[in-house]
Protein backbone atom coordinates (compact mmCIF):
# COMPACT_ATOMS: atom_id res chain seq x y z
CA MET A 1 -16.53 1.10 -12.52
CA ASN A 2 -14.49 1.35 -9.43
CA MET A 3 -11.16 -0.27 -9.67
CA ASP A 4 -7.35 -0.14 -9.26
CA ILE A 5 -5.49 0.07 -12.73
CA ASP A 6 -2.19 0.83 -14.04
CA LEU A 7 -1.13 4.00 -16.18
CA ASN A 8 -1.60 2.55 -19.50
CA GLN A 9 -5.12 1.32 -18.46
CA LEU A 10 -5.91 4.78 -17.47
CA LEU A 11 -4.95 6.42 -20.54
CA GLU A 12 -6.45 3.84 -22.78
CA THR A 13 -9.69 4.14 -20.90
CA TYR A 14 -10.15 8.00 -21.39
CA ILE A 15 -8.80 7.72 -25.15
CA THR A 16 -11.56 5.32 -26.04
CA ASP A 17 -14.34 7.18 -24.30
CA LYS A 18 -17.11 8.44 -26.80
CA ARG A 19 -17.39 12.25 -26.95
CA ASN A 20 -20.05 13.52 -29.28
CA HIS A 21 -23.46 14.69 -29.60
CA PRO A 22 -25.89 13.50 -32.43
CA SER A 23 -26.73 17.13 -33.06
CA GLY A 24 -23.17 17.82 -33.79
CA SER A 25 -22.79 20.53 -30.97
CA PRO A 26 -19.47 20.79 -29.17
CA TRP A 27 -18.72 18.27 -26.35
CA THR A 28 -17.29 20.23 -23.43
CA MET A 29 -15.25 18.57 -20.85
CA LEU A 30 -13.97 20.09 -17.55
CA ASN A 31 -10.70 18.85 -16.44
CA MET A 32 -9.36 19.71 -13.01
CA ILE A 33 -7.32 18.29 -10.01
CA SER A 34 -8.09 18.67 -6.33
CA SER A 35 -6.26 18.33 -3.19
CA LYS A 36 -7.48 15.49 -0.68
CA ASN A 37 -9.19 18.20 1.10
CA GLY A 38 -10.94 19.54 -2.10
CA LEU A 39 -8.94 22.61 -2.84
CA ALA A 40 -7.69 23.76 -6.21
CA THR A 41 -4.19 24.74 -5.32
CA TYR A 42 -1.25 23.77 -3.30
CA ASN A 43 1.44 26.64 -2.74
CA GLY A 44 -0.65 28.84 -5.06
CA LYS A 45 -0.67 26.58 -8.16
CA SER A 46 -2.51 23.53 -9.35
CA GLY A 47 0.46 21.71 -10.95
CA PRO A 48 2.10 20.64 -7.68
CA LEU A 49 -0.94 18.65 -6.68
CA GLY A 50 -0.26 16.04 -9.63
CA GLY A 51 1.89 13.08 -9.93
CA PRO A 52 3.14 11.13 -12.88
CA ALA A 53 -0.52 9.43 -13.70
CA ASP A 54 -2.23 12.80 -13.58
CA LYS A 55 0.41 14.49 -15.73
CA ALA A 56 0.16 11.82 -18.30
CA LEU A 57 -3.79 11.94 -18.48
CA PHE A 58 -3.54 15.91 -18.51
CA ARG A 59 -1.19 15.44 -21.64
CA THR A 60 -3.68 12.91 -23.16
CA LEU A 61 -6.78 14.78 -22.91
CA ARG A 62 -4.96 17.83 -24.40
CA GLY A 63 -3.94 15.65 -27.22
CA LEU A 64 -7.64 14.54 -28.00
CA ALA A 65 -8.90 18.17 -27.67
CA ASP A 66 -9.73 20.51 -30.49
CA VAL A 67 -9.75 23.57 -28.13
CA ILE A 68 -8.39 24.10 -24.72
CA LEU A 69 -10.18 26.73 -22.86
CA VAL A 70 -8.62 28.55 -20.12
CA ALA A 71 -8.99 31.76 -17.99
CA ALA A 72 -6.27 34.43 -18.12
CA GLY A 73 -5.46 34.03 -14.49
CA THR A 74 -4.47 30.31 -14.96
CA VAL A 75 -2.43 31.08 -18.10
CA ARG A 76 -0.37 33.66 -16.08
CA SER A 77 -0.04 31.58 -12.91
CA GLU A 78 0.69 28.40 -14.62
CA GLU A 79 2.89 29.99 -17.12
CA TYR A 80 1.22 28.47 -20.12
CA SER A 81 3.20 27.47 -23.39
CA VAL A 82 2.47 25.45 -26.53
CA PRO A 83 0.73 22.44 -25.56
CA ILE A 84 2.80 19.16 -25.63
CA ILE A 85 0.93 16.00 -26.60
CA SER A 86 1.60 12.25 -26.43
CA GLU A 87 2.75 10.49 -29.50
CA LYS A 88 -0.32 8.27 -29.44
CA THR A 89 -2.64 11.20 -29.31
CA ALA A 90 -0.75 12.72 -32.06
CA GLN A 91 -1.23 9.79 -34.34
CA ILE A 92 -5.01 9.95 -33.46
CA ARG A 93 -5.02 13.49 -34.40
CA GLY A 94 -3.42 12.63 -37.78
CA ARG A 95 -5.81 9.93 -38.49
CA LEU A 96 -9.02 12.07 -37.67
CA HIS A 97 -7.49 15.07 -39.72
CA LYS A 98 -7.43 17.39 -36.76
CA ALA A 99 -5.03 20.23 -36.61
CA GLU A 100 -1.60 19.25 -35.52
CA LEU A 101 -1.97 20.64 -32.10
CA PRO A 102 -5.17 21.97 -30.02
CA THR A 103 -5.86 25.72 -29.96
CA ILE A 104 -5.39 27.23 -26.71
CA VAL A 105 -8.20 29.85 -26.38
CA VAL A 106 -7.49 32.23 -23.40
CA ILE A 107 -10.70 33.95 -21.92
CA SER A 108 -10.07 37.53 -20.66
CA ASN A 109 -12.28 40.65 -20.46
CA SER A 110 -9.42 42.90 -19.29
CA LEU A 111 -6.85 41.49 -21.78
CA ASN A 112 -4.09 41.51 -19.02
CA LEU A 113 -1.89 39.24 -21.08
CA ASP A 114 1.75 39.51 -22.04
CA PRO A 115 2.33 39.32 -25.75
CA PHE A 116 6.03 38.41 -25.08
CA SER A 117 5.24 35.29 -23.02
CA PRO A 118 5.95 31.86 -24.19
CA LEU A 119 2.38 30.93 -25.26
CA PHE A 120 2.45 34.09 -27.66
CA THR A 121 5.75 33.92 -28.94
CA SER A 122 6.36 30.56 -30.10
CA VAL A 123 7.09 29.69 -33.85
CA ASN A 124 4.45 28.12 -35.88
CA TYR A 125 1.82 28.15 -33.03
CA ARG A 126 -1.10 30.72 -32.75
CA PRO A 127 -3.28 30.76 -29.88
CA ALA A 128 -6.66 32.58 -29.53
CA ILE A 129 -8.05 35.04 -27.10
CA LEU A 130 -11.84 35.27 -26.34
CA THR A 131 -12.97 38.62 -24.99
CA SER A 132 -15.91 41.03 -24.81
CA THR A 133 -16.77 44.00 -26.87
CA SER A 134 -16.03 46.05 -23.77
CA SER A 135 -12.44 45.00 -23.70
CA PRO A 136 -9.59 47.80 -23.98
CA LYS A 137 -9.17 48.36 -27.74
CA HIS A 138 -5.56 49.30 -27.72
CA LYS A 139 -4.66 45.98 -25.80
CA GLU A 140 -6.86 44.03 -28.36
CA GLU A 141 -5.01 45.57 -31.19
CA GLU A 142 -1.70 44.68 -29.57
CA LEU A 143 -2.69 41.16 -28.99
CA ARG A 144 -4.03 40.64 -32.54
CA ALA A 145 -0.37 40.50 -33.73
CA VAL A 146 0.44 37.27 -31.71
CA ALA A 147 -3.23 35.72 -31.37
CA ASP A 148 -6.63 35.25 -32.93
CA VAL A 149 -9.02 37.53 -31.04
CA PHE A 150 -12.76 36.98 -30.84
CA SER A 151 -15.44 39.00 -29.04
CA THR A 152 -18.73 38.44 -27.62
CA THR A 153 -21.41 41.12 -27.15
CA GLY A 154 -21.44 42.75 -23.60
CA ASP A 155 -19.41 43.45 -20.63
CA HIS A 156 -18.24 39.98 -20.21
CA VAL A 157 -17.48 36.92 -22.30
CA ASN A 158 -20.76 35.26 -23.13
CA LEU A 159 -19.95 31.68 -22.69
CA ALA A 160 -23.28 30.48 -24.11
CA GLU A 161 -22.37 32.31 -27.16
CA ALA A 162 -18.77 31.26 -27.26
CA ILE A 163 -18.94 27.72 -26.90
CA PRO A 164 -20.74 27.06 -30.36
CA TYR A 165 -18.53 29.45 -32.02
CA LEU A 166 -15.35 27.72 -30.76
CA GLY A 167 -16.64 24.41 -31.80
CA LYS A 168 -17.57 25.52 -35.22
CA SER A 169 -14.10 27.42 -35.58
CA TYR A 170 -11.80 24.90 -34.38
CA GLY A 171 -13.42 21.60 -33.79
CA PRO A 172 -16.17 19.98 -31.54
CA LEU A 173 -14.24 18.73 -28.51
CA ILE A 174 -13.57 21.40 -25.96
CA LEU A 175 -11.34 20.95 -23.01
CA VAL A 176 -11.62 23.37 -20.12
CA GLU A 177 -8.67 23.66 -17.71
CA GLY A 178 -9.98 26.41 -15.41
CA GLY A 179 -9.34 27.90 -13.10
CA PRO A 180 -12.13 27.31 -10.69
CA ASN A 181 -14.10 30.31 -11.51
CA LEU A 182 -14.48 29.50 -15.18
CA ASN A 183 -15.34 26.03 -14.26
CA SER A 184 -18.08 27.25 -11.89
CA GLN A 185 -19.53 29.61 -14.68
CA LEU A 186 -19.75 26.71 -16.99
CA VAL A 187 -21.46 24.48 -14.24
CA GLU A 188 -24.09 27.28 -13.40
CA LEU A 189 -24.84 27.75 -17.04
CA ASP A 190 -25.07 23.98 -17.67
CA LEU A 191 -22.66 24.28 -20.51
CA PHE A 192 -20.65 21.24 -19.95
CA ASP A 193 -20.99 17.42 -20.73
CA GLU A 194 -18.18 15.82 -18.78
CA LEU A 195 -16.38 16.43 -15.56
CA CYS A 196 -13.06 14.73 -14.93
CA ILE A 197 -11.48 15.27 -11.47
CA THR A 198 -8.27 13.94 -10.23
CA THR A 199 -8.04 13.84 -6.49
CA SER A 200 -4.58 14.10 -5.14
CA PRO A 201 -3.14 12.38 -1.96
CA ILE A 202 -1.67 16.07 -0.89
CA VAL A 203 -3.43 18.12 1.63
CA SER A 204 -3.61 21.74 0.77
CA SER A 205 -3.54 24.38 3.42
CA ASP A 206 -3.65 27.35 0.87
CA GLU A 207 -5.53 30.21 2.61
CA GLY A 208 -8.28 31.54 0.14
CA SER A 209 -7.81 28.71 -2.51
CA PRO A 210 -11.22 28.04 -4.13
CA SER A 211 -12.88 24.66 -3.80
CA ILE A 212 -13.07 22.57 -6.89
CA THR A 213 -16.36 22.06 -8.73
CA THR A 214 -18.03 18.85 -7.81
CA SER A 215 -21.16 16.88 -8.42
CA ALA A 216 -22.62 18.26 -5.26
CA HIS A 217 -23.47 21.18 -7.17
CA TYR A 218 -26.38 19.07 -8.58
CA ASP A 219 -29.58 17.31 -7.58
CA GLN A 220 -29.56 13.43 -7.73
CA ASN A 221 -30.01 12.10 -11.23
CA GLU A 222 -28.80 15.34 -12.84
CA MET A 223 -25.17 14.15 -13.25
CA THR A 224 -23.99 10.33 -13.46
CA LEU A 225 -20.75 9.02 -11.86
CA ASP A 226 -19.50 7.06 -14.87
CA ARG A 227 -16.39 5.47 -13.06
CA VAL A 228 -13.74 5.82 -10.48
CA LEU A 229 -10.23 4.64 -11.33
CA LYS A 230 -7.23 4.54 -8.95
CA VAL A 231 -3.65 4.71 -10.08
CA ASP A 232 -1.14 4.57 -6.99
CA SER A 233 -2.56 7.05 -4.46
CA PHE A 234 -4.50 9.20 -7.05
CA SER A 235 -8.18 8.74 -7.96
CA PHE A 236 -9.74 9.57 -11.31
CA LYS A 237 -13.53 10.31 -11.42
CA ARG A 238 -15.58 10.89 -14.52
CA TYR A 239 -18.92 12.48 -14.37
CA LEU A 240 -21.38 12.70 -17.12
CA ARG A 241 -23.98 15.62 -17.28
CA ASN A 242 -27.51 14.16 -18.11
CA LEU A 243 -28.33 16.52 -21.00
CA SER A 244 -29.90 16.07 -24.24
CA ARG A 245 -28.30 18.22 -26.89
């Protein structure tokens, strides 16, 4: 499907997508925005690449998720706080008996996180931190006061171990918001099911900005382009990974 639509059609399409495995294993979706020339940032951040439609879809996907998985660098650079979701997805969560808000899970081996930042100091919201057994123990104890902290065995976070655990702990729909390095790791490990890419009309000249993950990482028939939708000057692509889990 390749077509021009309006914002309401865009959101309704993503809301009604089926995201589940017969086995009950988590459904992991990567969501990212790209500049017109394929870079992940503009003036050092991903946010300025977006427009009204992209921001509305971003909030909608968050509202559908059980877990928002994000790397610590993105949390710092994008100044993460408690997720805000749409009224419609809040109603959907209520019907499905989901938690009131998705749980933001921050990945960090170094635990270089500020416990006094908005994400960790908001009343009635408790995020989680995913680290490894090699993380600094004094930092881990400090952060346990403001977040649930989980560790995988080894020098770095073991994503293959972590994804099923997060699905079991919080719910089966995991939304990954990057950054690009985290997305690339999940692609290399084949630990995702859905890839959503918004292409902005903005051209970025950020030196050193990573390129976003695309279907070019895969051979033909290993990933399916499900659709391309266009709203104003933005395009929205949905790819599905051909897996049988």
